[in-house]
């Protein structure tokens, strides 16, 4: 995934985003891992396609079984800091972030120790990043 061009990345997201709603938990885990790599390695591509990627991840919560929680939180571990960086340019990213924050906080109660750890670390990191960002403090209260 590291060396893909934009058209290949479009193909990858077109294939893997629908797999987030697959009935097979293994397919969902693979999809979350691939999307995590796309978001983490290709910042320019994510900046251009952040809305559909974020919306697909948000909408996939309903079909996410408990065994996929760690992979989902791992994906959000890469996604949410990217959204924080986009706040000065895309204030509407705050609404998308708000839809994930509750899930991240509830992840601190996950039965899986590694998922709890990822969720806790992400909560702390997200708080620090929001405080350091140039986001409007009145807007942050809405989160």
N, C-alpha and C. Protein backbone atom coordinates (compact mmCIF):
# COMPACT_ATOMS: atom_id res chain seq x y z
N UNK A 1 0.83 -1.20 0.00
CA UNK A 1 0.00 0.00 0.00
C UNK A 1 0.87 1.25 0.00
N UNK A 2 2.05 1.14 0.49
CA UNK A 2 2.93 2.29 0.64
C UNK A 2 3.20 3.01 -0.69
N UNK A 3 3.37 2.28 -1.78
CA UNK A 3 3.79 2.87 -3.04
C UNK A 3 2.67 3.04 -4.06
N UNK A 4 1.43 3.03 -3.64
CA UNK A 4 0.33 3.15 -4.58
C UNK A 4 0.12 4.59 -5.02
N UNK A 5 -0.30 4.75 -6.27
CA UNK A 5 -0.64 6.08 -6.77
C UNK A 5 -2.11 6.37 -6.46
N UNK A 6 -2.55 7.55 -6.81
CA UNK A 6 -3.90 8.00 -6.46
C UNK A 6 -4.99 7.11 -7.06
N UNK A 7 -4.84 6.71 -8.31
CA UNK A 7 -5.88 5.87 -8.93
C UNK A 7 -5.93 4.49 -8.27
N UNK A 8 -4.79 3.96 -7.88
CA UNK A 8 -4.78 2.67 -7.17
C UNK A 8 -5.39 2.81 -5.79
N UNK A 9 -5.12 3.93 -5.13
CA UNK A 9 -5.72 4.17 -3.82
C UNK A 9 -7.23 4.29 -3.91
N UNK A 10 -7.72 4.92 -4.99
CA UNK A 10 -9.16 5.00 -5.19
C UNK A 10 -9.75 3.60 -5.33
N UNK A 11 -9.07 2.75 -6.08
CA UNK A 11 -9.54 1.38 -6.24
C UNK A 11 -9.54 0.64 -4.90
N UNK A 12 -8.48 0.81 -4.11
CA UNK A 12 -8.39 0.14 -2.81
C UNK A 12 -9.53 0.58 -1.90
N UNK A 13 -9.76 1.89 -1.82
CA UNK A 13 -10.85 2.35 -0.95
C UNK A 13 -12.21 1.93 -1.49
N UNK A 14 -12.36 1.90 -2.80
CA UNK A 14 -13.63 1.47 -3.38
C UNK A 14 -13.92 0.00 -3.05
N UNK A 15 -12.88 -0.81 -2.95
CA UNK A 15 -13.05 -2.23 -2.62
C UNK A 15 -13.20 -2.45 -1.12
N UNK A 16 -12.37 -1.78 -0.32
CA UNK A 16 -12.31 -2.11 1.10
C UNK A 16 -13.32 -1.35 1.97
N UNK A 17 -13.75 -0.17 1.59
CA UNK A 17 -14.75 0.53 2.42
C UNK A 17 -16.05 -0.25 2.55
N UNK A 18 -16.59 -0.83 1.48
CA UNK A 18 -17.81 -1.64 1.65
C UNK A 18 -17.58 -2.89 2.51
N UNK A 19 -16.34 -3.37 2.57
CA UNK A 19 -16.04 -4.55 3.38
C UNK A 19 -16.15 -4.27 4.88
N UNK A 20 -16.20 -3.00 5.26
CA UNK A 20 -16.40 -2.67 6.67
C UNK A 20 -17.75 -3.15 7.17
N UNK A 21 -18.69 -3.35 6.26
CA UNK A 21 -20.04 -3.83 6.61
C UNK A 21 -20.24 -5.31 6.30
N UNK A 22 -19.18 -6.01 5.97
CA UNK A 22 -19.27 -7.43 5.62
C UNK A 22 -19.78 -8.24 6.82
N UNK A 23 -20.41 -9.36 6.54
CA UNK A 23 -20.91 -10.21 7.62
C UNK A 23 -19.78 -10.98 8.30
N UNK A 24 -18.68 -11.20 7.59
CA UNK A 24 -17.55 -11.95 8.12
C UNK A 24 -16.64 -11.03 8.92
N UNK A 25 -16.47 -11.28 10.23
CA UNK A 25 -15.61 -10.42 11.05
C UNK A 25 -14.15 -10.38 10.56
N UNK A 26 -13.67 -11.46 10.00
CA UNK A 26 -12.29 -11.46 9.49
C UNK A 26 -12.12 -10.49 8.33
N UNK A 27 -13.13 -10.43 7.47
CA UNK A 27 -13.07 -9.47 6.35
C UNK A 27 -13.13 -8.04 6.88
N UNK A 28 -13.93 -7.81 7.90
CA UNK A 28 -14.00 -6.47 8.50
C UNK A 28 -12.65 -6.07 9.10
N UNK A 29 -12.01 -7.01 9.82
CA UNK A 29 -10.70 -6.71 10.40
C UNK A 29 -9.69 -6.33 9.32
N UNK A 30 -9.67 -7.11 8.25
CA UNK A 30 -8.74 -6.82 7.15
C UNK A 30 -9.03 -5.46 6.54
N UNK A 31 -10.32 -5.15 6.37
CA UNK A 31 -10.70 -3.86 5.79
C UNK A 31 -10.24 -2.70 6.69
N UNK A 32 -10.45 -2.82 8.00
CA UNK A 32 -10.01 -1.76 8.91
C UNK A 32 -8.50 -1.59 8.87
N UNK A 33 -7.78 -2.69 8.77
CA UNK A 33 -6.31 -2.60 8.71
C UNK A 33 -5.84 -1.93 7.42
N UNK A 34 -6.49 -2.24 6.31
CA UNK A 34 -6.12 -1.63 5.03
C UNK A 34 -6.44 -0.13 5.05
N UNK A 35 -7.62 0.21 5.52
CA UNK A 35 -8.01 1.63 5.58
C UNK A 35 -7.08 2.39 6.52
N UNK A 36 -6.68 1.76 7.62
CA UNK A 36 -5.72 2.38 8.54
C UNK A 36 -4.41 2.70 7.81
N UNK A 37 -3.95 1.79 7.00
CA UNK A 37 -2.71 2.01 6.26
C UNK A 37 -2.87 3.13 5.22
N UNK A 38 -4.00 3.13 4.53
CA UNK A 38 -4.24 4.18 3.53
C UNK A 38 -4.24 5.55 4.19
N UNK A 39 -4.96 5.67 5.31
CA UNK A 39 -5.05 6.96 6.01
C UNK A 39 -3.69 7.36 6.57
N UNK A 40 -2.97 6.39 7.14
CA UNK A 40 -1.70 6.69 7.77
C UNK A 40 -0.57 7.01 6.81
N UNK A 41 -0.56 6.35 5.66
CA UNK A 41 0.56 6.50 4.74
C UNK A 41 0.35 7.52 3.64
N UNK A 42 -0.88 7.87 3.36
CA UNK A 42 -1.18 8.74 2.21
C UNK A 42 -2.00 9.95 2.67
N UNK A 43 -1.32 10.89 3.30
CA UNK A 43 -1.98 12.06 3.87
C UNK A 43 -2.69 12.89 2.80
N UNK A 44 -2.06 13.09 1.65
CA UNK A 44 -2.69 13.90 0.60
C UNK A 44 -3.96 13.25 0.08
N UNK A 45 -3.92 11.94 -0.08
CA UNK A 45 -5.12 11.23 -0.55
C UNK A 45 -6.23 11.35 0.49
N UNK A 46 -5.86 11.19 1.77
CA UNK A 46 -6.88 11.29 2.82
C UNK A 46 -7.47 12.69 2.87
N UNK A 47 -6.64 13.72 2.72
CA UNK A 47 -7.16 15.09 2.75
C UNK A 47 -8.18 15.33 1.64
N UNK A 48 -7.97 14.70 0.51
CA UNK A 48 -8.89 14.86 -0.62
C UNK A 48 -10.15 14.00 -0.46
N UNK A 49 -10.07 12.91 0.31
CA UNK A 49 -11.19 11.97 0.41
C UNK A 49 -11.60 11.70 1.86
N UNK A 50 -11.33 12.64 2.75
CA UNK A 50 -11.58 12.41 4.17
C UNK A 50 -13.05 12.18 4.49
N UNK A 51 -13.94 12.89 3.80
CA UNK A 51 -15.35 12.79 4.14
C UNK A 51 -15.95 11.41 3.84
N UNK A 52 -15.79 10.86 2.64
CA UNK A 52 -16.36 9.53 2.40
C UNK A 52 -15.69 8.43 3.22
N UNK A 53 -14.39 8.56 3.47
CA UNK A 53 -13.71 7.54 4.28
C UNK A 53 -14.24 7.59 5.70
N UNK A 54 -14.31 8.78 6.27
CA UNK A 54 -14.80 8.93 7.65
C UNK A 54 -16.25 8.50 7.77
N UNK A 55 -17.06 8.85 6.79
CA UNK A 55 -18.48 8.49 6.82
C UNK A 55 -18.65 6.97 6.76
N UNK A 56 -17.87 6.31 5.94
CA UNK A 56 -17.96 4.85 5.84
C UNK A 56 -17.57 4.18 7.15
N UNK A 57 -16.53 4.70 7.79
CA UNK A 57 -16.11 4.12 9.07
C UNK A 57 -17.18 4.38 10.13
N UNK A 58 -17.73 5.59 10.14
CA UNK A 58 -18.78 5.92 11.11
C UNK A 58 -20.01 5.04 10.90
N UNK A 59 -20.43 4.87 9.65
CA UNK A 59 -21.63 4.09 9.37
C UNK A 59 -21.44 2.60 9.62
N UNK A 60 -20.20 2.13 9.64
CA UNK A 60 -19.94 0.70 9.82
C UNK A 60 -20.05 0.27 11.28
N UNK A 61 -20.23 1.18 12.20
CA UNK A 61 -20.33 0.82 13.61
C UNK A 61 -21.45 -0.17 13.87
N UNK A 62 -22.58 0.01 13.21
CA UNK A 62 -23.73 -0.87 13.44
C UNK A 62 -23.44 -2.33 13.10
N UNK A 63 -22.55 -2.56 12.16
CA UNK A 63 -22.27 -3.94 11.75
C UNK A 63 -20.95 -4.46 12.32
N UNK A 64 -20.42 -3.79 13.34
CA UNK A 64 -19.12 -4.14 13.90
C UNK A 64 -19.29 -5.05 15.12
N UNK A 65 -18.97 -6.35 14.99
CA UNK A 65 -19.05 -7.23 16.16
C UNK A 65 -17.93 -6.92 17.15
N UNK A 66 -18.06 -7.42 18.36
CA UNK A 66 -17.10 -7.08 19.41
C UNK A 66 -15.68 -7.53 19.07
N UNK A 67 -15.51 -8.60 18.34
CA UNK A 67 -14.18 -9.08 17.99
C UNK A 67 -13.43 -8.18 17.03
N UNK A 68 -14.11 -7.25 16.42
CA UNK A 68 -13.50 -6.36 15.44
C UNK A 68 -13.15 -5.01 16.10
N UNK A 69 -13.53 -4.84 17.35
CA UNK A 69 -13.34 -3.57 18.03
C UNK A 69 -11.91 -3.08 18.05
N UNK A 70 -10.96 -3.99 18.29
CA UNK A 70 -9.55 -3.58 18.34
C UNK A 70 -9.08 -3.05 17.00
N UNK A 71 -9.46 -3.72 15.91
CA UNK A 71 -9.06 -3.26 14.57
C UNK A 71 -9.71 -1.91 14.26
N UNK A 72 -10.97 -1.74 14.68
CA UNK A 72 -11.68 -0.49 14.45
C UNK A 72 -11.01 0.66 15.23
N UNK A 73 -10.70 0.40 16.50
CA UNK A 73 -10.04 1.41 17.32
C UNK A 73 -8.65 1.73 16.76
N UNK A 74 -7.95 0.73 16.24
CA UNK A 74 -6.66 0.96 15.62
C UNK A 74 -6.77 1.87 14.41
N UNK A 75 -7.83 1.70 13.66
CA UNK A 75 -8.08 2.56 12.50
C UNK A 75 -8.36 3.99 12.97
N UNK A 76 -9.15 4.12 14.02
CA UNK A 76 -9.46 5.45 14.54
C UNK A 76 -8.24 6.10 15.17
N UNK A 77 -7.29 5.29 15.63
CA UNK A 77 -6.06 5.81 16.21
C UNK A 77 -5.27 6.61 15.16
N UNK A 78 -5.40 6.24 13.92
CA UNK A 78 -4.74 6.96 12.83
C UNK A 78 -5.65 8.05 12.27
N UNK A 79 -6.94 7.76 12.20
CA UNK A 79 -7.91 8.67 11.59
C UNK A 79 -8.13 9.95 12.40
N UNK A 80 -8.36 9.83 13.70
CA UNK A 80 -8.73 11.00 14.50
C UNK A 80 -7.64 12.07 14.55
N UNK A 81 -6.37 11.72 14.74
CA UNK A 81 -5.36 12.79 14.69
C UNK A 81 -5.30 13.50 13.34
N UNK A 82 -5.57 12.78 12.27
CA UNK A 82 -5.60 13.42 10.94
C UNK A 82 -6.76 14.40 10.87
N UNK A 83 -7.90 14.04 11.47
CA UNK A 83 -9.05 14.95 11.48
C UNK A 83 -8.77 16.19 12.32
N UNK A 84 -8.06 16.02 13.44
CA UNK A 84 -7.69 17.18 14.27
C UNK A 84 -6.84 18.14 13.46
N UNK A 85 -5.89 17.61 12.68
CA UNK A 85 -5.04 18.46 11.86
C UNK A 85 -5.84 19.21 10.80
N UNK A 86 -6.97 18.68 10.40
CA UNK A 86 -7.77 19.30 9.34
C UNK A 86 -8.75 20.35 9.86
N UNK A 87 -8.94 20.43 11.18
CA UNK A 87 -9.93 21.36 11.75
C UNK A 87 -9.78 22.80 11.27
N UNK A 88 -8.57 23.36 11.20
CA UNK A 88 -8.49 24.75 10.74
C UNK A 88 -8.98 24.95 9.31
N UNK A 89 -8.90 23.93 8.47
CA UNK A 89 -9.28 24.04 7.07
C UNK A 89 -10.68 23.51 6.79
N UNK A 90 -11.11 22.53 7.59
CA UNK A 90 -12.43 21.91 7.42
C UNK A 90 -13.12 21.82 8.78
N UNK A 91 -13.76 22.90 9.24
CA UNK A 91 -14.40 22.87 10.56
C UNK A 91 -15.47 21.78 10.68
N UNK A 92 -16.02 21.34 9.55
CA UNK A 92 -17.04 20.29 9.60
C UNK A 92 -16.45 18.94 10.02
N UNK A 93 -15.13 18.83 10.04
CA UNK A 93 -14.49 17.59 10.52
C UNK A 93 -14.76 17.37 12.01
N UNK A 94 -15.10 18.45 12.72
CA UNK A 94 -15.41 18.34 14.14
C UNK A 94 -16.65 17.48 14.37
N UNK A 95 -17.64 17.60 13.50
CA UNK A 95 -18.85 16.77 13.63
C UNK A 95 -18.51 15.30 13.45
N UNK A 96 -17.65 15.00 12.50
CA UNK A 96 -17.24 13.62 12.26
C UNK A 96 -16.49 13.10 13.48
N UNK A 97 -15.60 13.93 14.02
CA UNK A 97 -14.85 13.53 15.21
C UNK A 97 -15.78 13.26 16.37
N UNK A 98 -16.79 14.11 16.52
CA UNK A 98 -17.75 13.93 17.61
C UNK A 98 -18.46 12.60 17.56
N UNK A 99 -18.68 12.10 16.36
CA UNK A 99 -19.36 10.81 16.24
C UNK A 99 -18.45 9.65 16.67
N UNK A 100 -17.13 9.88 16.70
CA UNK A 100 -16.19 8.83 17.10
C UNK A 100 -15.77 8.91 18.56
N UNK A 101 -15.82 10.09 19.15
CA UNK A 101 -15.27 10.29 20.49
C UNK A 101 -15.96 9.41 21.52
N UNK A 102 -17.27 9.34 21.47
CA UNK A 102 -18.01 8.49 22.42
C UNK A 102 -17.59 7.04 22.32
N UNK A 103 -17.43 6.57 21.11
CA UNK A 103 -17.01 5.19 20.89
C UNK A 103 -15.60 4.95 21.45
N UNK A 104 -14.72 5.91 21.27
CA UNK A 104 -13.35 5.77 21.77
C UNK A 104 -13.36 5.72 23.30
N UNK A 105 -14.15 6.58 23.91
CA UNK A 105 -14.22 6.60 25.37
C UNK A 105 -14.83 5.30 25.89
N UNK A 106 -15.88 4.82 25.26
CA UNK A 106 -16.48 3.55 25.67
C UNK A 106 -15.53 2.38 25.44
N UNK A 107 -14.61 2.54 24.51
CA UNK A 107 -13.62 1.50 24.27
C UNK A 107 -12.71 1.24 25.46
N UNK A 108 -12.68 2.17 26.39
CA UNK A 108 -11.88 1.98 27.62
C UNK A 108 -12.48 0.87 28.48
N UNK A 109 -13.69 0.43 28.16
CA UNK A 109 -14.34 -0.65 28.91
C UNK A 109 -14.35 -1.96 28.13
N UNK A 110 -13.64 -2.01 27.02
CA UNK A 110 -13.58 -3.23 26.19
C UNK A 110 -13.02 -4.40 27.00
N UNK A 111 -13.51 -5.61 26.74
CA UNK A 111 -12.95 -6.79 27.43
C UNK A 111 -11.50 -7.08 26.99
N UNK A 112 -11.17 -6.75 25.77
CA UNK A 112 -9.83 -6.99 25.24
C UNK A 112 -8.87 -5.94 25.79
N UNK A 113 -7.82 -6.41 26.47
CA UNK A 113 -6.86 -5.50 27.11
C UNK A 113 -6.19 -4.57 26.11
N UNK A 114 -5.78 -5.11 24.96
CA UNK A 114 -5.11 -4.27 23.96
C UNK A 114 -6.05 -3.21 23.40
N UNK A 115 -7.31 -3.56 23.21
CA UNK A 115 -8.29 -2.59 22.73
C UNK A 115 -8.51 -1.49 23.77
N UNK A 116 -8.57 -1.87 25.04
CA UNK A 116 -8.70 -0.87 26.11
C UNK A 116 -7.51 0.08 26.12
N UNK A 117 -6.33 -0.49 25.96
CA UNK A 117 -5.11 0.32 25.97
C UNK A 117 -5.09 1.30 24.79
N UNK A 118 -5.45 0.82 23.60
CA UNK A 118 -5.50 1.69 22.42
C UNK A 118 -6.52 2.81 22.65
N UNK A 119 -7.67 2.45 23.19
CA UNK A 119 -8.73 3.42 23.42
C UNK A 119 -8.30 4.48 24.45
N UNK A 120 -7.69 4.04 25.54
CA UNK A 120 -7.24 4.99 26.55
C UNK A 120 -6.18 5.93 25.99
N UNK A 121 -5.18 5.37 25.32
CA UNK A 121 -4.11 6.19 24.75
C UNK A 121 -4.65 7.17 23.71
N UNK A 122 -5.62 6.71 22.92
CA UNK A 122 -6.22 7.58 21.91
C UNK A 122 -7.01 8.71 22.57
N UNK A 123 -7.70 8.42 23.66
CA UNK A 123 -8.45 9.45 24.38
C UNK A 123 -7.50 10.54 24.88
N UNK A 124 -6.40 10.12 25.49
CA UNK A 124 -5.42 11.08 26.01
C UNK A 124 -4.78 11.87 24.87
N UNK A 125 -4.36 11.18 23.83
CA UNK A 125 -3.72 11.84 22.69
C UNK A 125 -4.67 12.83 22.03
N UNK A 126 -5.90 12.41 21.85
CA UNK A 126 -6.89 13.28 21.22
C UNK A 126 -7.12 14.54 22.03
N UNK A 127 -7.22 14.39 23.35
CA UNK A 127 -7.38 15.56 24.22
C UNK A 127 -6.22 16.53 24.11
N UNK A 128 -5.00 15.98 24.12
CA UNK A 128 -3.81 16.83 24.00
C UNK A 128 -3.77 17.53 22.65
N UNK A 129 -4.08 16.79 21.59
CA UNK A 129 -4.04 17.39 20.25
C UNK A 129 -5.07 18.49 20.10
N UNK A 130 -6.25 18.28 20.65
CA UNK A 130 -7.29 19.30 20.55
C UNK A 130 -6.91 20.55 21.33
N UNK A 131 -6.28 20.37 22.47
CA UNK A 131 -5.86 21.52 23.26
C UNK A 131 -4.75 22.31 22.55
N UNK A 132 -3.88 21.61 21.82
CA UNK A 132 -2.78 22.25 21.12
C UNK A 132 -3.17 22.80 19.76
N UNK A 133 -4.31 22.35 19.23
CA UNK A 133 -4.70 22.76 17.89
C UNK A 133 -5.19 24.21 17.89
N UNK A 134 -5.40 24.72 16.72
CA UNK A 134 -5.89 26.08 16.57
C UNK A 134 -7.41 26.12 16.51
N UNK A 135 -8.05 25.05 16.94
CA UNK A 135 -9.51 25.01 16.88
C UNK A 135 -10.10 26.01 17.88
N UNK A 136 -11.23 26.56 17.53
CA UNK A 136 -11.94 27.51 18.36
C UNK A 136 -12.40 26.83 19.65
N UNK A 137 -12.05 27.36 20.85
CA UNK A 137 -12.44 26.73 22.11
C UNK A 137 -13.96 26.58 22.26
N UNK A 138 -14.72 27.53 21.76
CA UNK A 138 -16.20 27.42 21.83
C UNK A 138 -16.68 26.23 21.01
N UNK A 139 -16.04 25.98 19.88
CA UNK A 139 -16.40 24.85 19.04
C UNK A 139 -16.03 23.55 19.72
N UNK A 140 -14.90 23.51 20.40
CA UNK A 140 -14.45 22.30 21.06
C UNK A 140 -15.40 21.88 22.17
N UNK A 141 -16.08 22.83 22.79
CA UNK A 141 -17.05 22.48 23.83
C UNK A 141 -18.21 21.66 23.26
N UNK A 142 -18.48 21.84 22.00
CA UNK A 142 -19.56 21.08 21.35
C UNK A 142 -19.19 19.61 21.21
N UNK A 143 -17.91 19.33 21.19
CA UNK A 143 -17.45 17.96 21.04
C UNK A 143 -17.76 17.18 22.28
